[in-house]
N, C-alpha and C. Protein backbone atom coordinates (compact mmCIF):
# COMPACT_ATOMS: atom_id res chain seq x y z
N MET A 1 32.24 120.18 97.21
CA MET A 1 32.99 118.94 97.32
C MET A 1 34.45 119.26 97.62
N ASN A 2 34.70 119.77 98.81
CA ASN A 2 36.04 120.12 99.26
C ASN A 2 36.68 118.91 99.92
N GLN A 3 37.62 118.30 99.24
CA GLN A 3 38.31 117.15 99.83
C GLN A 3 39.57 117.67 100.50
N GLN A 4 39.68 117.45 101.81
CA GLN A 4 40.81 117.96 102.56
C GLN A 4 42.04 117.09 102.31
N LYS A 5 43.17 117.76 102.06
CA LYS A 5 44.42 117.03 101.83
C LYS A 5 44.97 116.55 103.17
N VAL A 6 45.68 115.40 103.11
CA VAL A 6 46.28 114.86 104.32
C VAL A 6 47.79 114.77 104.13
N CYS A 7 48.50 114.81 105.23
CA CYS A 7 49.96 114.75 105.27
C CYS A 7 50.44 113.42 104.68
N LEU A 8 51.44 113.48 103.81
CA LEU A 8 51.99 112.27 103.19
C LEU A 8 52.69 111.37 104.20
N GLU A 9 53.12 111.92 105.32
CA GLU A 9 53.84 111.14 106.33
C GLU A 9 52.91 110.55 107.38
N CYS A 10 52.11 111.40 108.01
CA CYS A 10 51.33 110.92 109.16
C CYS A 10 49.83 110.78 108.89
N GLY A 11 49.36 111.32 107.78
CA GLY A 11 47.94 111.20 107.44
C GLY A 11 47.04 112.22 108.10
N GLU A 12 47.60 113.13 108.87
CA GLU A 12 46.81 114.18 109.52
C GLU A 12 46.35 115.20 108.47
N PRO A 13 45.23 115.87 108.72
CA PRO A 13 44.76 116.91 107.79
C PRO A 13 45.77 118.06 107.69
N ILE A 14 45.89 118.62 106.49
CA ILE A 14 46.83 119.72 106.26
C ILE A 14 46.05 121.03 106.26
N ILE A 15 46.56 121.99 107.02
CA ILE A 15 45.96 123.31 107.09
C ILE A 15 46.96 124.29 106.48
N GLY A 16 46.46 125.16 105.60
CA GLY A 16 47.35 126.16 105.01
C GLY A 16 47.28 126.14 103.49
N ARG A 17 48.39 126.43 102.87
CA ARG A 17 48.44 126.55 101.42
C ARG A 17 47.89 125.31 100.73
N ILE A 18 47.35 125.53 99.57
CA ILE A 18 46.72 124.43 98.83
C ILE A 18 47.75 123.42 98.31
N ASP A 19 49.01 123.85 98.12
CA ASP A 19 50.04 122.95 97.57
C ASP A 19 50.89 122.28 98.65
N LYS A 20 50.54 122.47 99.92
CA LYS A 20 51.29 121.82 101.01
C LYS A 20 51.10 120.31 100.96
N LYS A 21 52.17 119.57 101.27
CA LYS A 21 52.10 118.11 101.26
C LYS A 21 52.27 117.51 102.66
N PHE A 22 52.80 118.32 103.57
CA PHE A 22 53.10 117.83 104.93
C PHE A 22 52.52 118.78 105.95
N CYS A 23 52.17 118.25 107.12
CA CYS A 23 51.58 119.08 108.16
C CYS A 23 52.62 119.84 108.97
N SER A 24 53.90 119.36 108.92
CA SER A 24 54.94 120.02 109.70
C SER A 24 56.32 119.74 109.09
N ASP A 25 57.31 120.50 109.55
CA ASP A 25 58.69 120.25 109.11
C ASP A 25 59.15 118.87 109.56
N TYR A 26 58.72 118.44 110.73
CA TYR A 26 59.08 117.11 111.23
C TYR A 26 58.63 116.02 110.25
N CYS A 27 57.37 116.09 109.81
CA CYS A 27 56.84 115.09 108.89
C CYS A 27 57.56 115.17 107.53
N ARG A 28 57.82 116.37 107.06
CA ARG A 28 58.53 116.53 105.78
C ARG A 28 59.91 115.89 105.86
N ASN A 29 60.65 116.15 106.95
CA ASN A 29 61.98 115.57 107.13
C ASN A 29 61.92 114.06 107.28
N ALA A 30 60.97 113.57 108.07
CA ALA A 30 60.83 112.12 108.27
C ALA A 30 60.52 111.42 106.95
N TYR A 31 59.65 111.99 106.15
CA TYR A 31 59.27 111.41 104.86
C TYR A 31 60.49 111.34 103.93
N ASN A 32 61.19 112.46 103.81
CA ASN A 32 62.36 112.50 102.91
C ASN A 32 63.50 111.62 103.40
N ASN A 33 63.73 111.56 104.70
CA ASN A 33 64.76 110.67 105.24
C ASN A 33 64.44 109.21 104.95
N ARG A 34 63.19 108.83 105.13
CA ARG A 34 62.78 107.46 104.85
C ARG A 34 62.89 107.16 103.36
N LYS A 35 62.49 108.11 102.53
CA LYS A 35 62.52 107.94 101.08
C LYS A 35 63.96 107.78 100.56
N ASN A 36 64.92 108.50 101.17
CA ASN A 36 66.31 108.50 100.70
C ASN A 36 67.21 107.54 101.47
N ARG A 37 66.69 106.78 102.39
CA ARG A 37 67.50 105.92 103.25
C ARG A 37 68.38 104.96 102.47
N ASP A 38 67.84 104.25 101.49
CA ASP A 38 68.63 103.27 100.74
C ASP A 38 69.79 103.92 100.00
N ALA A 39 69.53 105.04 99.33
CA ALA A 39 70.59 105.74 98.61
C ALA A 39 71.65 106.24 99.58
N ASN A 40 71.23 106.78 100.72
CA ASN A 40 72.19 107.28 101.70
C ASN A 40 73.03 106.16 102.28
N ASN A 41 72.43 105.00 102.52
CA ASN A 41 73.18 103.86 103.06
C ASN A 41 74.22 103.38 102.06
N MET A 42 73.87 103.35 100.77
CA MET A 42 74.83 102.93 99.74
C MET A 42 76.01 103.91 99.68
N ILE A 43 75.71 105.19 99.68
CA ILE A 43 76.77 106.21 99.63
C ILE A 43 77.65 106.12 100.87
N ARG A 44 77.04 105.93 102.02
CA ARG A 44 77.79 105.81 103.27
C ARG A 44 78.74 104.61 103.22
N ARG A 45 78.25 103.47 102.69
CA ARG A 45 79.07 102.26 102.59
C ARG A 45 80.25 102.47 101.63
N ILE A 46 80.00 103.11 100.49
CA ILE A 46 81.07 103.36 99.53
C ILE A 46 82.09 104.33 100.11
N ASN A 47 81.64 105.37 100.79
CA ASN A 47 82.57 106.32 101.40
C ASN A 47 83.45 105.65 102.45
N LEU A 48 82.90 104.71 103.21
CA LEU A 48 83.70 103.98 104.20
C LEU A 48 84.78 103.14 103.52
N ILE A 49 84.43 102.51 102.39
CA ILE A 49 85.42 101.73 101.64
C ILE A 49 86.52 102.63 101.11
N LEU A 50 86.14 103.78 100.54
CA LEU A 50 87.14 104.72 100.01
C LEU A 50 88.06 105.24 101.11
N LYS A 51 87.50 105.57 102.26
CA LYS A 51 88.31 106.05 103.39
C LYS A 51 89.29 104.98 103.84
N LYS A 52 88.81 103.73 103.91
CA LYS A 52 89.69 102.64 104.32
C LYS A 52 90.80 102.43 103.30
N ASN A 53 90.46 102.43 102.01
CA ASN A 53 91.47 102.28 100.97
C ASN A 53 92.52 103.38 101.06
N ARG A 54 92.09 104.64 101.22
CA ARG A 54 93.02 105.76 101.31
C ARG A 54 93.92 105.63 102.53
N ARG A 55 93.33 105.24 103.66
CA ARG A 55 94.12 105.07 104.89
C ARG A 55 95.19 104.00 104.70
N ILE A 56 94.85 102.89 104.06
CA ILE A 56 95.81 101.81 103.81
C ILE A 56 96.95 102.30 102.92
N LEU A 57 96.62 103.00 101.83
CA LEU A 57 97.66 103.52 100.94
C LEU A 57 98.56 104.51 101.67
N ASN A 58 97.96 105.39 102.44
CA ASN A 58 98.73 106.40 103.17
C ASN A 58 99.65 105.76 104.21
N GLU A 59 99.16 104.73 104.87
CA GLU A 59 99.94 104.02 105.89
C GLU A 59 101.15 103.32 105.27
N LEU A 60 100.97 102.73 104.10
CA LEU A 60 102.05 101.97 103.46
C LEU A 60 103.00 102.83 102.64
N ASN A 61 102.57 104.03 102.26
CA ASN A 61 103.39 104.89 101.41
C ASN A 61 103.84 106.12 102.18
N GLN A 62 104.92 105.99 102.92
CA GLN A 62 105.43 107.09 103.72
C GLN A 62 106.30 108.05 102.91
N SER A 63 106.74 107.62 101.74
CA SER A 63 107.46 108.53 100.85
C SER A 63 106.55 108.82 99.66
N ASP A 64 107.08 109.40 98.61
CA ASP A 64 106.25 109.71 97.45
C ASP A 64 105.98 108.49 96.58
N LYS A 65 106.86 107.50 96.63
CA LYS A 65 106.70 106.27 95.86
C LYS A 65 107.15 105.10 96.71
N THR A 66 106.37 104.04 96.70
CA THR A 66 106.71 102.82 97.43
C THR A 66 106.17 101.63 96.65
N LYS A 67 106.93 100.55 96.64
CA LYS A 67 106.49 99.33 95.98
C LYS A 67 106.15 98.31 97.06
N VAL A 68 104.92 97.76 96.99
CA VAL A 68 104.48 96.76 97.97
C VAL A 68 103.85 95.59 97.24
N ARG A 69 103.78 94.45 97.93
CA ARG A 69 103.12 93.28 97.36
C ARG A 69 101.60 93.52 97.34
N LYS A 70 100.95 93.10 96.29
CA LYS A 70 99.50 93.22 96.20
C LYS A 70 98.84 92.49 97.36
N GLN A 71 99.40 91.37 97.75
CA GLN A 71 98.87 90.56 98.85
C GLN A 71 98.83 91.36 100.15
N THR A 72 99.82 92.23 100.36
CA THR A 72 99.85 93.07 101.57
C THR A 72 98.62 93.97 101.62
N LEU A 73 98.29 94.57 100.49
CA LEU A 73 97.09 95.42 100.42
C LEU A 73 95.83 94.61 100.69
N LEU A 74 95.75 93.44 100.08
CA LEU A 74 94.57 92.59 100.28
C LEU A 74 94.43 92.15 101.73
N GLU A 75 95.54 91.81 102.37
CA GLU A 75 95.49 91.39 103.78
C GLU A 75 95.02 92.51 104.69
N LYS A 76 95.30 93.75 104.33
CA LYS A 76 94.87 94.89 105.14
C LYS A 76 93.42 95.28 104.84
N GLY A 77 92.81 94.61 103.84
CA GLY A 77 91.41 94.88 103.53
C GLY A 77 91.19 95.85 102.39
N PHE A 78 92.22 96.12 101.61
CA PHE A 78 92.10 97.04 100.48
C PHE A 78 91.14 96.44 99.44
N ASP A 79 90.24 97.27 98.91
CA ASP A 79 89.27 96.83 97.91
C ASP A 79 89.62 97.51 96.58
N PHE A 80 90.16 96.74 95.64
CA PHE A 80 90.62 97.27 94.36
C PHE A 80 89.48 97.73 93.45
N GLU A 81 88.24 97.43 93.80
CA GLU A 81 87.10 97.82 92.97
C GLU A 81 86.73 99.30 93.16
N TYR A 82 87.19 99.92 94.25
CA TYR A 82 86.76 101.28 94.57
C TYR A 82 87.93 102.25 94.53
N PHE A 83 87.77 103.29 93.70
CA PHE A 83 88.75 104.37 93.60
C PHE A 83 88.01 105.60 93.10
N THR A 84 88.64 106.76 93.21
CA THR A 84 87.94 108.00 92.85
C THR A 84 88.29 108.52 91.47
N SER A 85 89.47 108.18 90.94
CA SER A 85 89.84 108.65 89.61
C SER A 85 90.93 107.78 89.01
N MET A 86 91.12 107.93 87.70
CA MET A 86 92.18 107.21 86.99
C MET A 86 93.00 108.21 86.20
N TYR A 87 94.27 107.89 86.06
CA TYR A 87 95.17 108.72 85.25
C TYR A 87 95.95 107.79 84.33
N VAL A 88 95.94 108.10 83.04
CA VAL A 88 96.72 107.33 82.07
C VAL A 88 97.93 108.18 81.70
N ALA A 89 99.12 107.66 82.05
CA ALA A 89 100.36 108.38 81.76
C ALA A 89 100.66 108.33 80.25
N LYS A 90 101.57 109.16 79.81
CA LYS A 90 101.94 109.21 78.40
C LYS A 90 102.43 107.85 77.89
N ASN A 91 103.07 107.08 78.77
CA ASN A 91 103.59 105.76 78.38
C ASN A 91 102.52 104.67 78.44
N GLY A 92 101.27 105.04 78.79
CA GLY A 92 100.17 104.09 78.83
C GLY A 92 99.91 103.46 80.18
N ASN A 93 100.77 103.71 81.16
CA ASN A 93 100.55 103.17 82.51
C ASN A 93 99.29 103.79 83.12
N ILE A 94 98.50 102.95 83.75
CA ILE A 94 97.25 103.41 84.36
C ILE A 94 97.42 103.48 85.88
N TYR A 95 97.17 104.65 86.43
CA TYR A 95 97.22 104.88 87.87
C TYR A 95 95.80 105.11 88.35
N LYS A 96 95.45 104.44 89.43
CA LYS A 96 94.14 104.64 90.06
C LYS A 96 94.37 105.39 91.37
N TYR A 97 93.49 106.34 91.64
CA TYR A 97 93.63 107.18 92.82
C TYR A 97 92.43 107.07 93.73
N ILE A 98 92.71 107.15 95.01
CA ILE A 98 91.70 107.37 96.03
C ILE A 98 92.05 108.74 96.59
N TYR A 99 91.37 109.74 96.08
CA TYR A 99 91.66 111.14 96.37
C TYR A 99 93.11 111.45 95.98
N ASP A 100 94.02 111.63 96.92
CA ASP A 100 95.40 112.00 96.60
C ASP A 100 96.39 110.83 96.67
N GLU A 101 95.92 109.68 97.08
CA GLU A 101 96.78 108.49 97.19
C GLU A 101 96.49 107.58 96.00
N GLY A 102 97.56 107.20 95.27
CA GLY A 102 97.35 106.41 94.08
C GLY A 102 98.16 105.13 94.05
N TYR A 103 97.88 104.31 93.05
CA TYR A 103 98.62 103.07 92.87
C TYR A 103 98.58 102.65 91.41
N ARG A 104 99.58 101.87 91.05
CA ARG A 104 99.63 101.25 89.73
C ARG A 104 99.88 99.78 89.95
N ASP A 105 99.00 98.97 89.40
CA ASP A 105 99.07 97.52 89.55
C ASP A 105 100.06 96.94 88.55
N PHE A 106 101.02 96.12 89.03
CA PHE A 106 101.93 95.39 88.15
C PHE A 106 101.43 93.96 88.03
N GLU A 107 101.76 93.29 86.92
CA GLU A 107 101.31 91.91 86.71
C GLU A 107 102.05 90.91 87.58
N ASP A 108 103.20 91.27 88.09
CA ASP A 108 104.02 90.32 88.85
C ASP A 108 103.69 90.26 90.34
N GLY A 109 102.51 90.77 90.74
CA GLY A 109 102.11 90.71 92.14
C GLY A 109 102.55 91.91 92.98
N TRP A 110 103.13 92.90 92.34
CA TRP A 110 103.56 94.11 93.03
C TRP A 110 102.65 95.27 92.66
N VAL A 111 102.59 96.25 93.55
CA VAL A 111 101.82 97.47 93.31
C VAL A 111 102.71 98.65 93.67
N LEU A 112 102.76 99.64 92.76
CA LEU A 112 103.51 100.85 93.02
C LEU A 112 102.56 101.87 93.63
N LEU A 113 102.89 102.33 94.84
CA LEU A 113 102.07 103.35 95.51
C LEU A 113 102.66 104.71 95.23
N VAL A 114 101.82 105.68 94.89
CA VAL A 114 102.28 107.04 94.60
C VAL A 114 101.38 108.04 95.28
N LYS A 115 101.90 109.23 95.44
CA LYS A 115 101.09 110.34 95.97
C LYS A 115 100.89 111.33 94.84
N ASN A 116 99.70 111.88 94.77
CA ASN A 116 99.41 112.91 93.77
C ASN A 116 99.93 114.22 94.33
N LEU A 117 101.03 114.69 93.77
CA LEU A 117 101.67 115.90 94.28
C LEU A 117 101.13 117.17 93.61
N LYS A 118 100.21 117.03 92.66
CA LYS A 118 99.63 118.20 92.01
C LYS A 118 98.69 118.87 92.99
N LYS A 119 98.86 120.14 93.16
CA LYS A 119 98.00 120.89 94.09
C LYS A 119 97.12 121.84 93.33
């Protein structure tokens, strides 16, 4: 009662090792790409948002510190929900960073833009 295994991707019979799951590298890659598509699309979307946020901060902050209106960031498409790290200063101020470009939100509608100069 030898039941022949079939490829998980295309359904063709598998020849070779008993633990093989795919008939070829093409089928293995196609299966894994299809299986991971949703996760990859989510990561790709988040990375695009982070890149856009960083580009906006870099464009507006030509020196090491700049103060801009929060509305200016919003008009350029900045998304305050996405950042890569946070830093809490000794005085309690919270800075959010997108890689090396950071900001601190003020309650009065202003945002302080900073660059992370630590190398």
